[in-house]
Amino acid sequence: MTTKLTKDEVIITALDHEGRGIAYQDEKTIFIDNALIGEKVRFRIFKKKKKLFFAKSLEIISPSSRREKPICEFFGMCGGCSMQHFDISAQLAHKQRAFEQTLQHVGKVFPDQILSPISGPSLGYRHKARFRVKYIEKKQKVLIGFMKCATSALVKAMVGVHGSVKRVPTAKGMGAEECGDACSQLERIAK
């Protein structure tokens, strides 16, 4: 039985190295955020490059059995942790395949043996993060937070003033208490 698709619906057939779903429609390749293999997705295109299209999923019509609820409330807003919707074992397998493909296609390396991937906890694993810091002169305040996906803006929901950055579950030691002193120091420098 074939599934009837509309113009803004596709079935995901692969994932790219960044965890975006890949679909094909009318000789176009479409990369869709927040989509997994086998899912039927309704999407909206936001960027075009010749026959490559980049889209955002609007609705997951038929979800994958590998789909999970992301652990971070900022998933999909900030530019990090792009595969939180993918169950951890499938995510590790995907990353392992991506690594092997990169070795072969880019490095022209074909190892005789490949070890199993090393994994750790699914929370508090990030020991490094890149924050955006912005000084608002009118208010004499420093804003600090993560970048909004594919933009140069801060994720408004997580922006902190004087270190009130909300806790990010994947980041170890990167909450309000850790950022407060940094904000104070940056305000002194900015004045």
N, C-alpha and C. Protein backbone atom coordinates (compact mmCIF):
# COMPACT_ATOMS: atom_id res chain seq x y z
N MET A 1 0.84 -1.19 0.00
CA MET A 1 0.00 0.00 0.00
C MET A 1 0.88 1.25 0.00
N THR A 2 0.61 2.18 -0.89
CA THR A 2 1.38 3.43 -0.93
C THR A 2 0.62 4.51 -0.17
N THR A 3 1.40 5.39 0.44
CA THR A 3 0.82 6.48 1.21
C THR A 3 0.68 7.69 0.31
N LYS A 4 -0.49 8.28 0.26
CA LYS A 4 -0.72 9.48 -0.55
C LYS A 4 -0.08 10.68 0.16
N LEU A 5 0.72 11.43 -0.59
CA LEU A 5 1.41 12.59 -0.04
C LEU A 5 0.93 13.86 -0.72
N THR A 6 0.87 14.95 0.03
CA THR A 6 0.58 16.24 -0.55
C THR A 6 1.92 16.92 -0.84
N LYS A 7 1.86 18.10 -1.46
CA LYS A 7 3.06 18.82 -1.86
C LYS A 7 3.97 19.17 -0.68
N ASP A 8 3.39 19.40 0.49
CA ASP A 8 4.20 19.78 1.65
C ASP A 8 4.41 18.62 2.63
N GLU A 9 4.25 17.38 2.13
CA GLU A 9 4.46 16.18 2.95
C GLU A 9 5.45 15.26 2.26
N VAL A 10 6.33 14.64 3.05
CA VAL A 10 7.30 13.68 2.53
C VAL A 10 7.50 12.56 3.53
N ILE A 11 8.13 11.50 3.07
CA ILE A 11 8.58 10.43 3.96
C ILE A 11 10.09 10.49 3.99
N ILE A 12 10.65 10.51 5.19
CA ILE A 12 12.09 10.63 5.38
C ILE A 12 12.76 9.30 5.06
N THR A 13 13.80 9.35 4.20
CA THR A 13 14.48 8.12 3.77
C THR A 13 15.89 7.97 4.34
N ALA A 14 16.46 9.07 4.88
CA ALA A 14 17.82 9.01 5.42
C ALA A 14 18.02 10.17 6.40
N LEU A 15 19.14 10.16 7.09
CA LEU A 15 19.54 11.27 7.97
C LEU A 15 20.90 11.77 7.52
N ASP A 16 21.12 13.08 7.62
CA ASP A 16 22.45 13.61 7.33
C ASP A 16 23.29 13.56 8.62
N HIS A 17 24.53 14.00 8.53
CA HIS A 17 25.43 13.93 9.68
C HIS A 17 25.02 14.85 10.83
N GLU A 18 24.17 15.83 10.55
CA GLU A 18 23.71 16.74 11.60
C GLU A 18 22.37 16.30 12.19
N GLY A 19 21.87 15.15 11.75
CA GLY A 19 20.62 14.63 12.30
C GLY A 19 19.36 15.12 11.62
N ARG A 20 19.51 15.81 10.48
CA ARG A 20 18.32 16.26 9.74
C ARG A 20 17.81 15.13 8.87
N GLY A 21 16.49 15.04 8.75
CA GLY A 21 15.89 14.05 7.87
C GLY A 21 16.11 14.45 6.42
N ILE A 22 16.29 13.46 5.57
CA ILE A 22 16.47 13.71 4.14
C ILE A 22 15.31 13.07 3.39
N ALA A 23 14.71 13.85 2.49
CA ALA A 23 13.62 13.35 1.66
C ALA A 23 13.84 13.86 0.24
N TYR A 24 13.18 13.21 -0.71
CA TYR A 24 13.29 13.59 -2.12
C TYR A 24 11.90 13.83 -2.66
N GLN A 25 11.77 14.93 -3.42
CA GLN A 25 10.48 15.28 -4.00
C GLN A 25 10.73 16.10 -5.27
N ASP A 26 10.17 15.65 -6.39
CA ASP A 26 10.29 16.37 -7.67
C ASP A 26 11.73 16.74 -8.00
N GLU A 27 12.63 15.75 -7.91
CA GLU A 27 14.06 15.94 -8.21
C GLU A 27 14.75 16.92 -7.26
N LYS A 28 14.17 17.18 -6.12
CA LYS A 28 14.76 18.05 -5.11
C LYS A 28 15.14 17.21 -3.90
N THR A 29 16.26 17.58 -3.27
CA THR A 29 16.65 16.97 -2.01
C THR A 29 16.27 17.94 -0.91
N ILE A 30 15.52 17.46 0.07
CA ILE A 30 15.02 18.31 1.14
C ILE A 30 15.60 17.83 2.48
N PHE A 31 16.29 18.71 3.18
CA PHE A 31 16.81 18.43 4.52
C PHE A 31 15.83 19.03 5.52
N ILE A 32 15.30 18.20 6.41
CA ILE A 32 14.24 18.65 7.30
C ILE A 32 14.64 18.46 8.77
N ASP A 33 14.65 19.57 9.51
CA ASP A 33 14.96 19.52 10.94
C ASP A 33 13.91 18.69 11.68
N ASN A 34 14.33 18.03 12.74
CA ASN A 34 13.43 17.30 13.65
C ASN A 34 12.64 16.20 12.95
N ALA A 35 13.28 15.50 11.99
CA ALA A 35 12.60 14.41 11.29
C ALA A 35 13.50 13.18 11.30
N LEU A 36 12.91 12.01 11.46
CA LEU A 36 13.66 10.75 11.53
C LEU A 36 13.27 9.82 10.39
N ILE A 37 14.13 8.85 10.11
CA ILE A 37 13.90 7.90 9.02
C ILE A 37 12.55 7.20 9.20
N GLY A 38 11.81 7.13 8.10
CA GLY A 38 10.52 6.45 8.09
C GLY A 38 9.34 7.32 8.47
N GLU A 39 9.60 8.52 8.96
CA GLU A 39 8.50 9.39 9.37
C GLU A 39 7.87 10.09 8.18
N LYS A 40 6.56 10.24 8.25
CA LYS A 40 5.82 11.08 7.30
C LYS A 40 5.74 12.44 7.97
N VAL A 41 6.21 13.47 7.27
CA VAL A 41 6.38 14.80 7.86
C VAL A 41 5.74 15.87 6.99
N ARG A 42 5.06 16.80 7.62
CA ARG A 42 4.59 18.02 6.93
C ARG A 42 5.67 19.06 7.21
N PHE A 43 6.09 19.80 6.20
CA PHE A 43 7.23 20.71 6.34
C PHE A 43 7.01 22.06 5.66
N ARG A 44 7.90 23.00 5.99
CA ARG A 44 7.93 24.31 5.33
C ARG A 44 9.38 24.63 4.98
N ILE A 45 9.63 24.95 3.74
CA ILE A 45 10.99 25.28 3.28
C ILE A 45 11.34 26.69 3.73
N PHE A 46 12.56 26.84 4.27
CA PHE A 46 13.01 28.17 4.68
C PHE A 46 14.27 28.62 3.94
N LYS A 47 14.92 27.71 3.20
CA LYS A 47 16.14 28.09 2.48
C LYS A 47 16.29 27.19 1.25
N LYS A 48 16.72 27.81 0.13
CA LYS A 48 16.90 27.06 -1.12
C LYS A 48 18.31 27.30 -1.66
N LYS A 49 18.92 26.22 -2.18
CA LYS A 49 20.22 26.30 -2.85
C LYS A 49 20.16 25.35 -4.04
N LYS A 50 19.93 25.87 -5.24
CA LYS A 50 19.75 25.07 -6.45
C LYS A 50 18.73 23.97 -6.22
N LYS A 51 19.16 22.70 -6.18
CA LYS A 51 18.21 21.60 -5.98
C LYS A 51 18.21 21.11 -4.53
N LEU A 52 18.86 21.85 -3.65
CA LEU A 52 18.86 21.51 -2.22
C LEU A 52 17.93 22.46 -1.49
N PHE A 53 17.08 21.91 -0.65
CA PHE A 53 16.12 22.69 0.10
C PHE A 53 16.28 22.37 1.58
N PHE A 54 16.14 23.38 2.43
CA PHE A 54 16.24 23.20 3.87
C PHE A 54 14.89 23.59 4.47
N ALA A 55 14.37 22.71 5.32
CA ALA A 55 13.02 22.91 5.81
C ALA A 55 12.91 22.63 7.30
N LYS A 56 11.82 23.13 7.85
CA LYS A 56 11.49 22.90 9.26
C LYS A 56 10.25 22.00 9.27
N SER A 57 10.27 21.01 10.15
CA SER A 57 9.08 20.15 10.23
C SER A 57 7.98 20.90 10.96
N LEU A 58 6.80 20.88 10.40
CA LEU A 58 5.64 21.53 11.02
C LEU A 58 4.82 20.53 11.81
N GLU A 59 4.80 19.28 11.30
CA GLU A 59 4.03 18.23 11.96
C GLU A 59 4.63 16.87 11.62
N ILE A 60 4.78 16.04 12.63
CA ILE A 60 5.20 14.65 12.41
C ILE A 60 3.90 13.85 12.30
N ILE A 61 3.52 13.50 11.09
CA ILE A 61 2.24 12.83 10.84
C ILE A 61 2.30 11.37 11.30
N SER A 62 3.38 10.69 10.94
CA SER A 62 3.59 9.30 11.36
C SER A 62 4.95 9.22 12.04
N PRO A 63 5.01 9.24 13.37
CA PRO A 63 6.30 9.24 14.08
C PRO A 63 7.03 7.90 14.02
N SER A 64 8.33 7.95 14.08
CA SER A 64 9.19 6.77 14.14
C SER A 64 9.11 6.14 15.53
N SER A 65 9.32 4.85 15.59
CA SER A 65 9.37 4.18 16.90
C SER A 65 10.64 4.58 17.65
N ARG A 66 11.59 5.20 16.96
CA ARG A 66 12.85 5.66 17.57
C ARG A 66 12.74 7.09 18.12
N ARG A 67 11.61 7.73 17.92
CA ARG A 67 11.41 9.10 18.40
C ARG A 67 11.21 9.11 19.91
N GLU A 68 11.86 10.06 20.59
CA GLU A 68 11.72 10.26 22.03
C GLU A 68 11.41 11.72 22.31
N LYS A 69 10.86 11.96 23.48
CA LYS A 69 10.63 13.34 23.92
C LYS A 69 11.98 13.93 24.32
N PRO A 70 12.38 15.06 23.72
CA PRO A 70 13.66 15.68 24.08
C PRO A 70 13.71 16.04 25.57
N ILE A 71 14.90 15.89 26.18
CA ILE A 71 15.05 16.16 27.61
C ILE A 71 15.20 17.64 27.92
N CYS A 72 15.52 18.44 26.93
CA CYS A 72 15.75 19.87 27.17
C CYS A 72 14.57 20.69 26.65
N GLU A 73 14.08 21.60 27.47
CA GLU A 73 12.95 22.44 27.05
C GLU A 73 13.30 23.37 25.89
N PHE A 74 14.59 23.55 25.61
CA PHE A 74 15.03 24.45 24.55
C PHE A 74 15.33 23.73 23.24
N PHE A 75 15.10 22.41 23.21
CA PHE A 75 15.35 21.64 22.00
C PHE A 75 14.56 22.25 20.83
N GLY A 76 15.25 22.42 19.72
CA GLY A 76 14.60 22.99 18.53
C GLY A 76 14.71 24.50 18.47
N MET A 77 15.01 25.14 19.61
CA MET A 77 15.18 26.60 19.62
C MET A 77 16.65 26.97 19.49
N CYS A 78 17.49 26.37 20.35
CA CYS A 78 18.91 26.72 20.29
C CYS A 78 19.61 25.82 19.28
N GLY A 79 20.83 26.15 18.94
CA GLY A 79 21.53 25.43 17.90
C GLY A 79 22.27 24.19 18.35
N GLY A 80 22.15 23.78 19.61
CA GLY A 80 22.87 22.60 20.10
C GLY A 80 21.98 21.38 20.21
N CYS A 81 22.62 20.25 20.47
CA CYS A 81 21.91 19.00 20.78
C CYS A 81 20.82 18.67 19.76
N SER A 82 21.16 18.63 18.50
CA SER A 82 20.16 18.48 17.44
C SER A 82 19.52 17.10 17.32
N MET A 83 19.97 16.13 18.11
CA MET A 83 19.40 14.78 17.98
C MET A 83 18.69 14.28 19.23
N GLN A 84 18.26 15.18 20.10
CA GLN A 84 17.60 14.75 21.34
C GLN A 84 16.28 14.03 21.11
N HIS A 85 15.70 14.16 19.95
CA HIS A 85 14.43 13.49 19.64
C HIS A 85 14.63 12.05 19.17
N PHE A 86 15.87 11.62 19.07
CA PHE A 86 16.27 10.32 18.56
C PHE A 86 16.71 9.46 19.74
N ASP A 87 16.16 8.26 19.90
CA ASP A 87 16.52 7.44 21.06
C ASP A 87 18.04 7.20 21.09
N ILE A 88 18.61 7.13 22.27
CA ILE A 88 20.06 7.18 22.46
C ILE A 88 20.79 6.06 21.73
N SER A 89 20.26 4.84 21.71
CA SER A 89 20.97 3.74 21.04
C SER A 89 20.98 3.96 19.53
N ALA A 90 19.88 4.43 18.96
CA ALA A 90 19.82 4.71 17.53
C ALA A 90 20.70 5.92 17.19
N GLN A 91 20.75 6.87 18.08
CA GLN A 91 21.59 8.05 17.89
C GLN A 91 23.07 7.66 17.84
N LEU A 92 23.49 6.80 18.78
CA LEU A 92 24.89 6.33 18.79
C LEU A 92 25.22 5.56 17.51
N ALA A 93 24.30 4.70 17.07
CA ALA A 93 24.52 3.93 15.84
C ALA A 93 24.63 4.87 14.63
N HIS A 94 23.78 5.90 14.59
CA HIS A 94 23.84 6.87 13.49
C HIS A 94 25.17 7.62 13.50
N LYS A 95 25.60 8.06 14.67
CA LYS A 95 26.87 8.79 14.77
C LYS A 95 28.05 7.90 14.39
N GLN A 96 27.99 6.62 14.76
CA GLN A 96 29.04 5.66 14.40
C GLN A 96 29.11 5.51 12.88
N ARG A 97 27.95 5.35 12.23
CA ARG A 97 27.93 5.22 10.76
C ARG A 97 28.46 6.49 10.10
N ALA A 98 28.07 7.65 10.63
CA ALA A 98 28.54 8.93 10.07
C ALA A 98 30.07 9.03 10.19
N PHE A 99 30.60 8.61 11.32
CA PHE A 99 32.05 8.62 11.54
C PHE A 99 32.75 7.70 10.54
N GLU A 100 32.23 6.48 10.37
CA GLU A 100 32.82 5.52 9.44
C GLU A 100 32.76 6.05 8.01
N GLN A 101 31.63 6.65 7.62
CA GLN A 101 31.50 7.20 6.26
C GLN A 101 32.49 8.34 6.05
N THR A 102 32.69 9.17 7.06
CA THR A 102 33.64 10.27 6.94
C THR A 102 35.06 9.73 6.78
N LEU A 103 35.41 8.72 7.57
CA LEU A 103 36.74 8.09 7.42
C LEU A 103 36.95 7.61 5.98
N GLN A 104 35.94 6.94 5.44
CA GLN A 104 36.06 6.34 4.11
C GLN A 104 36.02 7.36 2.98
N HIS A 105 35.03 8.27 3.03
CA HIS A 105 34.84 9.19 1.91
C HIS A 105 35.78 10.39 1.93
N VAL A 106 36.05 10.92 3.09
CA VAL A 106 36.91 12.11 3.20
C VAL A 106 38.37 11.70 3.40
N GLY A 107 38.60 10.80 4.36
CA GLY A 107 39.96 10.42 4.70
C GLY A 107 40.53 9.29 3.87
N LYS A 108 39.67 8.61 3.09
CA LYS A 108 40.08 7.44 2.30
C LYS A 108 40.74 6.39 3.20
N VAL A 109 40.21 6.23 4.42
CA VAL A 109 40.70 5.28 5.40
C VAL A 109 39.68 4.16 5.54
N PHE A 110 40.15 2.92 5.42
CA PHE A 110 39.28 1.75 5.53
C PHE A 110 39.86 0.84 6.61
N PRO A 111 39.51 1.10 7.87
CA PRO A 111 40.11 0.31 8.96
C PRO A 111 39.68 -1.16 8.92
N ASP A 112 40.61 -2.03 9.36
CA ASP A 112 40.31 -3.47 9.45
C ASP A 112 39.31 -3.74 10.56
N GLN A 113 39.42 -2.97 11.62
CA GLN A 113 38.55 -3.18 12.78
C GLN A 113 38.09 -1.83 13.31
N ILE A 114 36.83 -1.76 13.68
CA ILE A 114 36.27 -0.54 14.28
C ILE A 114 35.71 -0.90 15.64
N LEU A 115 36.16 -0.18 16.65
CA LEU A 115 35.69 -0.43 18.01
C LEU A 115 34.29 0.13 18.21
N SER A 116 33.60 -0.41 19.18
CA SER A 116 32.26 0.10 19.52
C SER A 116 32.37 1.52 20.04
N PRO A 117 31.35 2.34 19.82
CA PRO A 117 31.42 3.72 20.32
C PRO A 117 31.40 3.77 21.85
N ILE A 118 32.08 4.76 22.37
CA ILE A 118 32.10 4.99 23.81
C ILE A 118 30.91 5.90 24.12
N SER A 119 30.16 5.56 25.14
CA SER A 119 29.03 6.43 25.50
C SER A 119 29.04 6.66 27.01
N GLY A 120 28.35 7.69 27.40
CA GLY A 120 28.28 8.04 28.81
C GLY A 120 26.86 8.42 29.18
N PRO A 121 26.71 9.27 30.18
CA PRO A 121 25.37 9.67 30.62
C PRO A 121 24.66 10.53 29.57
N SER A 122 23.33 10.48 29.58
CA SER A 122 22.58 11.29 28.61
C SER A 122 22.28 12.68 29.16
N LEU A 123 22.58 12.93 30.43
CA LEU A 123 22.42 14.25 31.05
C LEU A 123 23.76 14.73 31.59
N GLY A 124 23.98 16.03 31.56
CA GLY A 124 25.18 16.62 32.14
C GLY A 124 26.47 16.22 31.46
N TYR A 125 26.41 15.90 30.18
CA TYR A 125 27.61 15.43 29.48
C TYR A 125 28.41 16.56 28.82
N ARG A 126 27.80 17.71 28.63
CA ARG A 126 28.51 18.81 27.96
C ARG A 126 29.33 19.57 28.98
N HIS A 127 30.63 19.61 28.77
CA HIS A 127 31.53 20.33 29.67
C HIS A 127 31.96 21.65 29.06
N LYS A 128 31.50 21.90 27.85
CA LYS A 128 31.89 23.11 27.15
C LYS A 128 30.67 23.61 26.38
N ALA A 129 30.45 24.91 26.39
CA ALA A 129 29.34 25.49 25.63
C ALA A 129 29.75 26.88 25.18
N ARG A 130 29.16 27.31 24.09
CA ARG A 130 29.45 28.64 23.56
C ARG A 130 28.24 29.54 23.82
N PHE A 131 28.41 30.51 24.69
CA PHE A 131 27.34 31.44 25.02
C PHE A 131 27.47 32.70 24.18
N ARG A 132 26.36 33.33 23.94
CA ARG A 132 26.38 34.65 23.31
C ARG A 132 26.14 35.66 24.42
N VAL A 133 26.91 36.71 24.41
CA VAL A 133 26.81 37.75 25.43
C VAL A 133 26.51 39.06 24.71
N LYS A 134 25.52 39.79 25.24
CA LYS A 134 25.13 41.05 24.62
C LYS A 134 24.91 42.09 25.72
N TYR A 135 25.50 43.27 25.53
CA TYR A 135 25.32 44.36 26.49
C TYR A 135 24.26 45.31 25.95
N ILE A 136 23.22 45.57 26.74
CA ILE A 136 22.14 46.49 26.35
C ILE A 136 22.42 47.81 27.06
N GLU A 137 22.94 48.77 26.29
CA GLU A 137 23.37 50.03 26.88
C GLU A 137 22.22 50.79 27.55
N LYS A 138 21.05 50.87 26.90
CA LYS A 138 19.91 51.61 27.47
C LYS A 138 19.54 51.09 28.85
N LYS A 139 19.60 49.77 29.03
CA LYS A 139 19.21 49.17 30.30
C LYS A 139 20.40 48.91 31.22
N GLN A 140 21.61 49.13 30.70
CA GLN A 140 22.83 48.86 31.46
C GLN A 140 22.84 47.42 31.99
N LYS A 141 22.48 46.49 31.12
CA LYS A 141 22.38 45.07 31.48
C LYS A 141 23.16 44.22 30.49
N VAL A 142 23.64 43.09 30.98
CA VAL A 142 24.27 42.09 30.14
C VAL A 142 23.31 40.92 29.98
N LEU A 143 23.10 40.51 28.74
CA LEU A 143 22.29 39.32 28.46
C LEU A 143 23.24 38.20 28.07
N ILE A 144 22.96 37.02 28.55
CA ILE A 144 23.79 35.87 28.24
C ILE A 144 22.89 34.67 27.96
N GLY A 145 23.23 33.89 26.93
CA GLY A 145 22.42 32.73 26.60
C GLY A 145 22.98 31.99 25.40
N PHE A 146 22.24 31.00 24.92
CA PHE A 146 22.65 30.23 23.75
C PHE A 146 22.08 30.86 22.50
N MET A 147 22.71 30.57 21.38
CA MET A 147 22.28 31.09 20.09
C MET A 147 21.03 30.37 19.59
N LYS A 148 20.14 31.13 18.99
CA LYS A 148 18.97 30.55 18.35
C LYS A 148 19.45 29.83 17.09
N CYS A 149 18.85 28.70 16.80
CA CYS A 149 19.24 27.87 15.67
C CYS A 149 19.29 28.67 14.36
N ALA A 150 20.41 28.59 13.66
CA ALA A 150 20.62 29.20 12.34
C ALA A 150 20.45 30.72 12.31
N THR A 151 20.68 31.39 13.45
CA THR A 151 20.59 32.86 13.49
C THR A 151 21.73 33.40 14.35
N SER A 152 21.77 34.71 14.49
CA SER A 152 22.74 35.33 15.41
C SER A 152 22.01 35.89 16.63
N ALA A 153 20.80 35.46 16.86
CA ALA A 153 19.99 35.95 17.99
C ALA A 153 20.10 35.00 19.18
N LEU A 154 19.79 35.53 20.34
CA LEU A 154 19.73 34.72 21.55
C LEU A 154 18.38 34.04 21.67
N VAL A 155 18.36 32.84 22.24
CA VAL A 155 17.09 32.17 22.51
C VAL A 155 16.44 32.93 23.66
N LYS A 156 15.33 33.61 23.38
CA LYS A 156 14.71 34.49 24.38
C LYS A 156 14.31 33.76 25.65
N ALA A 157 13.84 32.54 25.55
CA ALA A 157 13.37 31.80 26.73
C ALA A 157 14.49 31.48 27.69
N MET A 158 15.73 31.45 27.21
CA MET A 158 16.82 31.09 28.10
C MET A 158 17.75 32.24 28.42
N VAL A 159 17.46 33.43 27.91
CA VAL A 159 18.32 34.58 28.15
C VAL A 159 18.34 34.93 29.63
N GLY A 160 19.52 35.20 30.11
CA GLY A 160 19.65 35.59 31.51
C GLY A 160 20.09 37.02 31.64
N VAL A 161 19.60 37.69 32.63
CA VAL A 161 20.07 39.02 32.99
C VAL A 161 20.72 38.84 34.35
N HIS A 162 21.94 39.30 34.49
CA HIS A 162 22.69 39.11 35.74
C HIS A 162 22.77 37.63 36.11
N GLY A 163 22.99 36.78 35.09
CA GLY A 163 23.23 35.38 35.38
C GLY A 163 22.02 34.52 35.64
N SER A 164 20.86 34.93 35.21
CA SER A 164 19.68 34.10 35.45
C SER A 164 19.43 33.13 34.30
N VAL A 165 20.50 32.61 33.72
CA VAL A 165 20.37 31.64 32.64
C VAL A 165 19.69 30.38 33.19
N LYS A 166 18.69 29.90 32.47
CA LYS A 166 17.98 28.70 32.90
C LYS A 166 18.89 27.48 32.76
N ARG A 167 18.67 26.50 33.59
CA ARG A 167 19.46 25.27 33.58
C ARG A 167 19.22 24.49 32.28
N VAL A 168 20.30 24.02 31.68
CA VAL A 168 20.26 23.20 30.48
C VAL A 168 20.66 21.79 30.91
N PRO A 169 19.76 20.79 30.77
CA PRO A 169 20.03 19.46 31.33
C PRO A 169 21.24 18.74 30.74
N THR A 170 21.64 19.06 29.51
CA THR A 170 22.79 18.38 28.92
C THR A 170 24.11 19.03 29.32
N ALA A 171 24.04 20.25 29.85
CA ALA A 171 25.25 20.99 30.19
C ALA A 171 25.56 20.87 31.68
N LYS A 172 26.79 20.54 31.98
CA LYS A 172 27.21 20.38 33.36
C LYS A 172 27.71 21.73 33.88
N GLY A 173 27.11 22.20 34.97
CA GLY A 173 27.57 23.44 35.60
C GLY A 173 27.41 24.67 34.75
N MET A 174 26.28 24.82 34.05
CA MET A 174 26.08 26.01 33.21
C MET A 174 24.72 26.64 33.47
N GLY A 175 24.40 26.83 34.72
CA GLY A 175 23.13 27.44 35.09
C GLY A 175 23.33 28.82 35.67
N ALA A 176 22.32 29.33 36.32
CA ALA A 176 22.32 30.70 36.85
C ALA A 176 23.48 30.96 37.80
N GLU A 177 23.70 30.03 38.73
CA GLU A 177 24.75 30.27 39.72
C GLU A 177 26.14 30.37 39.09
N GLU A 178 26.36 29.59 38.02
CA GLU A 178 27.68 29.62 37.37
C GLU A 178 27.86 30.84 36.48
N CYS A 179 26.77 31.38 35.95
CA CYS A 179 26.87 32.49 35.00
C CYS A 179 26.75 33.87 35.67
N GLY A 180 26.27 33.93 36.88
CA GLY A 180 26.06 35.21 37.55
C GLY A 180 27.31 36.06 37.65
N ASP A 181 28.41 35.46 38.07
CA ASP A 181 29.66 36.20 38.21
C ASP A 181 30.16 36.69 36.86
N ALA A 182 30.00 35.87 35.82
CA ALA A 182 30.44 36.27 34.47
C ALA A 182 29.68 37.51 34.01
N CYS A 183 28.37 37.55 34.24
CA CYS A 183 27.56 38.71 33.85
C CYS A 183 28.05 39.96 34.58
N SER A 184 28.29 39.85 35.87
CA SER A 184 28.75 41.00 36.66
C SER A 184 30.08 41.52 36.12
N GLN A 185 31.01 40.61 35.84
CA GLN A 185 32.30 41.00 35.30
C GLN A 185 32.15 41.69 33.94
N LEU A 186 31.31 41.14 33.07
CA LEU A 186 31.11 41.71 31.74
C LEU A 186 30.45 43.09 31.82
N GLU A 187 29.53 43.30 32.77
CA GLU A 187 28.92 44.61 32.93
C GLU A 187 29.95 45.66 33.33
N ARG A 188 30.87 45.28 34.21
CA ARG A 188 31.94 46.21 34.62
C ARG A 188 32.82 46.58 33.44
N ILE A 189 33.15 45.59 32.62
CA ILE A 189 34.01 45.84 31.45
C ILE A 189 33.30 46.73 30.43
N ALA A 190 31.99 46.51 30.23
CA ALA A 190 31.22 47.24 29.21
C ALA A 190 31.02 48.71 29.57
N LYS A 191 31.06 49.06 30.85
CA LYS A 191 30.78 50.44 31.26
C LYS A 191 31.93 51.38 31.01
